Protein backbone atom coordinates (compact mmCIF):
# COMPACT_ATOMS: atom_id res chain seq x y z
CA UNK A 1 51.99 44.52 -96.47
CA UNK A 2 51.38 43.45 -92.89
CA UNK A 3 51.88 45.80 -89.96
CA UNK A 4 55.27 45.38 -88.32
CA UNK A 5 56.12 45.07 -84.62
CA UNK A 6 59.13 44.49 -82.40
CA UNK A 7 59.76 41.28 -80.51
CA UNK A 8 62.63 40.20 -78.28
CA UNK A 9 64.23 37.04 -79.65
CA UNK A 10 66.67 34.55 -78.14
CA UNK A 11 68.69 33.78 -81.28
CA UNK A 12 70.48 30.69 -79.98
CA UNK A 13 71.54 28.75 -76.91
CA UNK A 14 73.17 31.11 -74.44
CA UNK A 15 73.01 34.03 -76.87
CA UNK A 16 72.14 37.62 -75.82
CA UNK A 17 68.53 38.62 -76.37
CA UNK A 18 67.91 40.69 -79.52
CA UNK A 19 65.21 43.11 -80.61
CA UNK A 20 63.90 42.19 -84.06
CA UNK A 21 61.05 43.15 -86.36
CA UNK A 22 58.28 40.76 -87.35
CA UNK A 23 54.67 40.79 -88.56
CA UNK A 24 51.89 41.62 -86.11
CA UNK A 25 49.87 38.40 -85.64
CA UNK A 26 46.14 38.19 -86.22
CA UNK A 27 43.56 36.97 -83.73
CA UNK A 28 42.22 33.65 -84.97
CA UNK A 29 38.99 31.97 -83.95
CA UNK A 30 38.72 31.91 -80.17
CA UNK A 31 41.69 34.23 -79.79
CA UNK A 32 42.33 37.83 -78.81
CA UNK A 33 45.09 40.13 -80.02
CA UNK A 34 46.78 41.76 -77.03
CA UNK A 35 48.91 44.88 -77.20
CA UNK A 36 51.55 43.99 -74.64
CA UNK A 37 52.36 46.71 -72.15
CA UNK A 38 54.73 44.82 -69.85
CA UNK A 39 56.39 41.42 -69.52
CA UNK A 40 58.37 40.13 -66.56
CA UNK A 41 61.64 38.22 -66.88
CA UNK A 42 61.49 34.95 -64.94
CA UNK A 43 64.15 32.51 -63.81
CA UNK A 44 62.57 30.04 -66.20
CA UNK A 45 63.48 32.38 -69.07
CA UNK A 46 67.10 32.26 -67.91
CA UNK A 47 67.11 28.45 -67.75
CA UNK A 48 65.57 28.15 -71.22
CA UNK A 49 68.14 30.57 -72.63
CA UNK A 50 70.96 28.64 -70.94
CA UNK A 51 69.57 25.27 -72.01
CA UNK A 52 68.84 23.97 -68.51
CA UNK A 53 65.16 23.69 -69.44
CA UNK A 54 63.64 22.84 -72.80
CA UNK A 55 60.00 22.63 -73.84
CA UNK A 56 60.40 21.13 -77.27
CA UNK A 57 60.99 24.08 -79.59
CA UNK A 58 64.20 25.28 -81.17
CA UNK A 59 65.91 28.65 -81.20
CA UNK A 60 65.35 31.34 -82.27
CA UNK A 61 62.44 31.79 -79.90
CA UNK A 62 60.44 34.54 -78.21
CA UNK A 63 60.05 34.01 -74.49
CA UNK A 64 57.84 35.75 -71.93
CA UNK A 65 55.13 34.17 -69.78
CA UNK A 66 54.47 37.14 -67.49
CA UNK A 67 52.76 39.31 -70.07
CA UNK A 68 50.02 41.87 -69.50
CA UNK A 69 48.35 44.30 -71.83
CA UNK A 70 45.22 45.51 -73.59
CA UNK A 71 42.94 43.61 -75.95
CA UNK A 72 42.94 45.41 -79.31
CA UNK A 73 41.07 42.83 -81.42
CA UNK A 74 38.93 39.75 -80.87
CA UNK A 75 38.67 36.72 -83.10
CA UNK A 76 35.62 34.86 -84.32
CA UNK A 77 33.47 33.39 -81.59
CA UNK A 78 34.99 35.34 -78.69
CA UNK A 79 32.39 36.71 -76.29
CA UNK A 80 34.29 36.67 -72.98
CA UNK A 81 36.66 39.50 -73.90
CA UNK A 82 36.23 42.85 -75.61
CA UNK A 83 38.46 45.49 -77.13
CA UNK A 84 39.84 47.63 -74.31
CA UNK A 85 39.95 44.89 -71.67
CA UNK A 86 43.10 44.90 -69.53
CA UNK A 87 44.34 41.33 -69.27
CA UNK A 88 47.14 39.12 -68.04
CA UNK A 89 48.29 36.12 -70.06
CA UNK A 90 48.22 32.65 -68.53
CA UNK A 91 51.31 30.49 -68.85
CA UNK A 92 49.32 27.32 -69.53
CA UNK A 93 46.93 28.16 -72.32
CA UNK A 94 45.43 24.71 -72.74
CA UNK A 95 46.12 21.00 -72.74
CA UNK A 96 46.07 19.01 -75.96
CA UNK A 97 42.61 17.64 -75.14
CA UNK A 98 43.41 14.20 -76.55
CA UNK A 99 45.98 12.45 -74.36
CA UNK A 100 45.16 10.14 -71.46
CA UNK A 101 45.78 12.93 -68.96
CA UNK A 102 43.46 15.39 -70.70
CA UNK A 103 40.76 12.73 -70.94
CA UNK A 104 40.61 12.86 -67.15
CA UNK A 105 39.34 16.46 -67.38
CA UNK A 106 41.95 17.66 -64.88
CA UNK A 107 42.30 21.38 -64.04
CA UNK A 108 44.50 23.56 -66.22
CA UNK A 109 47.30 23.89 -63.69
CA UNK A 110 50.98 22.96 -63.76
CA UNK A 111 50.20 19.31 -63.06
CA UNK A 112 48.48 19.33 -66.43
CA UNK A 113 51.47 21.17 -67.92
CA UNK A 114 53.74 18.39 -66.66
CA UNK A 115 51.54 15.45 -67.69
CA UNK A 116 49.76 16.48 -70.89
CA UNK A 117 51.50 15.16 -73.98
CA UNK A 118 51.41 18.57 -75.71
CA UNK A 119 50.41 21.46 -73.48
CA UNK A 120 50.40 24.96 -74.95
CA UNK A 121 52.74 27.04 -72.80
CA UNK A 122 53.08 30.77 -73.44
CA UNK A 123 56.69 31.71 -74.12
CA UNK A 124 57.88 28.13 -73.66
CA UNK A 125 56.63 26.04 -76.58
CA UNK A 126 54.72 28.79 -78.39
CA UNK A 127 55.64 32.43 -78.89
CA UNK A 128 55.60 34.51 -75.74
CA UNK A 129 54.83 37.99 -74.50
CA UNK A 130 58.20 39.60 -75.19
CA UNK A 131 56.70 41.40 -78.15
CA UNK A 132 54.55 44.40 -78.97
CA UNK A 133 51.60 42.11 -79.76
CA UNK A 134 50.58 38.53 -79.06
CA UNK A 135 47.62 36.49 -80.30
CA UNK A 136 46.41 34.14 -77.57
CA UNK A 137 43.34 32.10 -76.67
CA UNK A 138 40.76 34.32 -74.98
CA UNK A 139 40.36 31.59 -72.36
CA UNK A 140 44.07 31.95 -71.53
CA UNK A 141 43.64 35.50 -70.26
CA UNK A 142 42.65 36.87 -66.88
CA UNK A 143 41.08 40.29 -66.40
CA UNK A 144 43.27 42.69 -64.44
CA UNK A 145 41.56 44.50 -61.57
CA UNK A 146 41.28 48.28 -61.63
CA UNK A 147 44.04 50.11 -59.84
CA UNK A 148 46.79 47.60 -60.65
CA UNK A 149 49.46 48.93 -62.99
CA UNK A 150 50.79 46.83 -65.84
CA UNK A 151 54.32 46.96 -64.39
CA UNK A 152 53.12 45.55 -61.07
CA UNK A 153 50.70 43.06 -62.62
CA UNK A 154 53.34 41.39 -64.82
CA UNK A 155 55.32 39.58 -62.06
CA UNK A 156 52.10 38.44 -60.45
CA UNK A 157 51.26 36.36 -63.52
CA UNK A 158 53.90 33.82 -62.47
CA UNK A 159 55.86 34.37 -59.26
CA UNK A 160 53.04 36.18 -57.46
CA UNK A 161 50.59 33.52 -58.63
CA UNK A 162 52.98 30.81 -57.40
CA UNK A 163 53.64 32.47 -54.03
CA UNK A 164 49.98 33.00 -53.22
CA UNK A 165 48.75 29.62 -54.43
CA UNK A 166 51.55 27.93 -52.47
CA UNK A 167 50.42 29.66 -49.31
CA UNK A 168 46.83 28.60 -50.02
CA UNK A 169 47.99 25.04 -50.76
CA UNK A 170 49.51 24.85 -47.26
CA UNK A 171 46.09 25.68 -45.67
CA UNK A 172 47.54 27.65 -42.75
CA UNK A 173 45.26 27.92 -39.75
CA UNK A 174 44.67 30.94 -37.47
CA UNK A 175 47.61 31.45 -35.16
CA UNK A 176 50.08 29.47 -37.26
CA UNK A 177 53.44 30.93 -38.27
CA UNK A 178 54.68 31.22 -41.87
CA UNK A 179 58.37 31.11 -42.79
CA UNK A 180 59.57 32.20 -46.23
CA UNK A 181 62.92 30.77 -47.32
CA UNK A 182 64.58 33.07 -49.82
CA UNK A 183 64.07 36.81 -50.26
CA UNK A 184 64.09 37.22 -54.02
CA UNK A 185 61.60 37.62 -56.84
CA UNK A 186 59.12 35.13 -55.40
CA UNK A 187 60.14 35.38 -51.76
CA UNK A 188 59.62 39.13 -51.44
CA UNK A 189 56.03 38.58 -52.60
CA UNK A 190 55.47 35.51 -50.40
CA UNK A 191 56.45 37.58 -47.35
CA UNK A 192 53.92 40.23 -48.28
CA UNK A 193 51.13 37.74 -49.02
CA UNK A 194 51.68 35.94 -45.72
CA UNK A 195 51.68 39.20 -43.77
CA UNK A 196 48.64 40.52 -45.65
CA UNK A 197 46.80 37.36 -44.59
CA UNK A 198 47.43 38.12 -40.92
CA UNK A 199 50.08 35.50 -40.14
CA UNK A 200 53.24 35.95 -38.11
CA UNK A 201 55.80 35.95 -40.92
CA UNK A 202 59.44 34.89 -40.68
CA UNK A 203 61.98 35.51 -43.42
CA UNK A 204 64.87 33.09 -43.81
CA UNK A 205 67.80 34.52 -45.75
CA UNK A 206 71.54 34.15 -45.51
CA UNK A 207 72.06 37.43 -47.40
CA UNK A 208 72.83 40.15 -44.88
CA UNK A 209 71.86 42.90 -47.32
CA UNK A 210 68.32 41.47 -47.57
CA UNK A 211 67.56 41.16 -43.88
CA UNK A 212 66.50 44.75 -43.23
CA UNK A 213 64.63 44.77 -46.53
CA UNK A 214 62.70 41.68 -45.41
CA UNK A 215 61.56 43.58 -42.33
CA UNK A 216 60.40 46.48 -44.47
CA UNK A 217 58.41 44.02 -46.59
CA UNK A 218 56.54 42.90 -43.48
CA UNK A 219 58.57 40.10 -41.89
CA UNK A 220 58.07 40.02 -38.13
CA UNK A 221 61.24 38.00 -37.61
CA UNK A 222 64.30 37.55 -39.81
CA UNK A 223 66.73 34.64 -39.41
CA UNK A 224 69.72 33.37 -41.38
CA UNK A 225 69.13 29.61 -41.42
CA UNK A 226 67.09 26.69 -40.17
CA UNK A 227 68.81 26.50 -36.80
CA UNK A 228 67.97 30.14 -36.11
CA UNK A 229 64.41 29.51 -37.29
CA UNK A 230 64.07 26.72 -34.74
CA UNK A 231 65.52 28.94 -31.98
CA UNK A 232 63.02 31.68 -32.94
CA UNK A 233 60.12 29.35 -32.23
CA UNK A 234 59.85 27.59 -35.59
CA UNK A 235 57.18 27.78 -38.27
CA UNK A 236 54.12 25.72 -39.12
CA UNK A 237 54.49 26.42 -42.84
CA UNK A 238 57.73 26.84 -44.77
CA UNK A 239 57.38 28.44 -48.21
CA UNK A 240 60.60 27.72 -50.09
CA UNK A 241 60.91 30.23 -52.90
CA UNK A 242 64.40 30.06 -54.37
CA UNK A 243 66.30 27.55 -56.53
CA UNK A 244 68.49 26.04 -53.80
CA UNK A 245 67.20 22.71 -52.53
CA UNK A 246 70.01 22.61 -49.97
CA UNK A 247 68.65 25.84 -48.47
CA UNK A 248 65.20 24.23 -48.23
CA UNK A 249 66.66 21.18 -46.49
CA UNK A 250 68.47 23.43 -44.03
CA UNK A 251 65.37 25.54 -43.29
CA UNK A 252 63.43 22.35 -42.58
CA UNK A 253 65.21 22.22 -39.21
CA UNK A 254 62.85 24.96 -38.04
CA UNK A 255 59.57 23.39 -39.21
CA UNK A 256 57.22 22.53 -36.35
CA UNK A 257 55.66 19.09 -35.84
CA UNK A 258 52.87 18.46 -38.36
CA UNK A 259 54.26 21.35 -40.39
CA UNK A 260 54.11 21.75 -44.16
CA UNK A 261 57.01 22.48 -46.48
CA UNK A 262 55.96 23.93 -49.83
CA UNK A 263 58.59 23.78 -52.57
CA UNK A 264 57.93 26.49 -55.17
CA UNK A 265 61.34 27.43 -56.57
CA UNK A 266 62.78 25.18 -59.29
CA UNK A 267 66.09 23.74 -58.12
CA UNK A 268 68.60 21.55 -59.93
CA UNK A 269 70.53 20.29 -56.91
CA UNK A 270 69.42 17.25 -54.91
CA UNK A 271 66.76 17.72 -52.24
CA UNK A 272 68.19 15.50 -49.50
CA UNK A 273 66.46 15.38 -46.11
CA UNK A 274 66.79 13.01 -43.14
CA UNK A 275 64.06 10.42 -42.80
CA UNK A 276 63.52 10.32 -39.03
CA UNK A 277 62.55 13.98 -38.37
CA UNK A 278 60.01 13.87 -41.19
CA UNK A 279 58.53 10.57 -40.12
CA UNK A 280 58.36 11.20 -36.38
CA UNK A 281 57.03 14.75 -36.74
CA UNK A 282 54.56 13.96 -39.56
CA UNK A 283 55.93 16.76 -41.75
CA UNK A 284 54.44 17.10 -45.22
CA UNK A 285 56.49 18.13 -48.26
CA UNK A 286 54.39 19.60 -51.07
CA UNK A 287 55.33 20.61 -54.58
CA UNK A 288 53.42 23.66 -55.77
CA UNK A 289 53.32 25.96 -58.78
CA UNK A 290 50.26 27.51 -60.46
CA UNK A 291 47.43 25.69 -58.70
CA UNK A 292 44.43 27.06 -60.58
CA UNK A 293 43.30 30.36 -62.03
CA UNK A 294 41.15 31.23 -59.01
CA UNK A 295 44.34 31.74 -57.02
CA UNK A 296 45.73 34.06 -59.68
CA UNK A 297 42.55 36.14 -59.49
CA UNK A 298 42.95 36.37 -55.72
CA UNK A 299 46.64 37.27 -55.97
CA UNK A 300 45.92 40.08 -58.44
CA UNK A 301 43.12 41.51 -56.31
CA UNK A 302 45.22 41.54 -53.13
CA UNK A 303 47.82 43.59 -54.99
CA UNK A 304 45.17 45.88 -56.48
CA UNK A 305 43.93 46.49 -52.93
CA UNK A 306 47.39 47.78 -52.02
CA UNK A 307 48.28 44.98 -49.62
CA UNK A 308 51.09 43.57 -51.79
CA UNK A 309 53.40 45.59 -54.03
CA UNK A 310 55.97 43.94 -56.30
CA UNK A 311 59.41 45.55 -56.33
CA UNK A 312 60.32 45.92 -59.99
CA UNK A 313 63.01 47.35 -62.21
CA UNK A 314 61.54 48.49 -65.53
CA UNK A 315 63.39 48.43 -68.85
CA UNK A 316 62.27 49.59 -72.27
CA UNK A 317 62.17 46.91 -74.97
CA UNK A 318 65.42 48.14 -76.51
CA UNK A 319 67.10 47.32 -73.16
CA UNK A 320 65.66 43.81 -72.93
CA UNK A 321 69.11 42.21 -73.08
CA UNK A 322 70.12 44.27 -70.06
CA UNK A 323 66.97 43.23 -68.18
CA UNK A 324 67.76 39.59 -68.92
CA UNK A 325 71.34 39.96 -67.73
CA UNK A 326 70.25 41.55 -64.44
CA UNK A 327 68.02 38.56 -63.81
CA UNK A 328 70.57 35.97 -64.92
CA UNK A 329 73.20 37.45 -62.60
CA UNK A 330 70.79 37.63 -59.64
CA UNK A 331 71.23 41.38 -59.30
CA UNK A 332 67.62 42.51 -59.83
CA UNK A 333 65.62 43.87 -56.90
CA UNK A 334 63.47 41.97 -57.38
CA UNK A 335 61.88 41.54 -60.78
CA UNK A 336 62.93 42.97 -64.10
CA UNK A 337 59.98 44.03 -66.23
CA UNK A 338 60.25 44.95 -69.90
CA UNK A 339 57.80 47.60 -71.12
CA UNK A 340 56.43 47.62 -74.66
CA UNK A 341 54.10 50.62 -74.73
């Protein structure tokens, strides 16, 4: 009889998450078996549960793409990982390798996830990290630096990765000013990454209860909207981190000439902006998600060095449904993390 484990399952569309028993998977060729210690709950998990996003598999399903843990077994042919390694799990494990996009030998980033005919996405179209154990390609893991706890590493596997790589994508220059629109799961990390990089950092949030918190996170200036951002001197880079496109359009009022707007939060409303200000001021609008594993490695190390600290609420696996609900209702400060060890 196979060894049993617990996994958190979404039983159906819009249904509460459930803790169930299943068989512990085995590490196949090229894979490692990871004992999951922590897994963050992302907005994407909420949208999959609610049916706003679908990646081609049916319920019941096990989500979780912010998983971290310890390698407990290695499959045939694996030399890059060893038992005892502390690792984080990549969302995009691999492309299909056969479609026209993959034949271009593009990087394994979210552009590949969007254009490959059958990408392998942890917790989206294959089983995720909301379980005691997960078998995953060894190449789809990143070593965690010493000094970084599992609870703090988990959110960095997605929202921290996105925040840092978005900042890098904008290529800010010395003396430029960074604005972060939205002080939530991703935004509270983007503020810290911008400040840790030595930039004047401006938080844009209409939530009064988050304004003092934004200052504690490192924001030099806090404003409520785009008009106030403009009055405060504007920003050369705007990192938009939440799911409201209308908030991004409003904050654009405060973007300086030749500025860059980086959209990182998935939004379902229309992103409507006036033509003339963009054209005359040569403002760039960039879409950005996970832009390559090297940025994840950097993001993890910055946190391990103590320059960025995720704010997390931790929940044991038997309280996973509660962790999900906190995230779905927007009440978490700022990331719910489910622990499995």
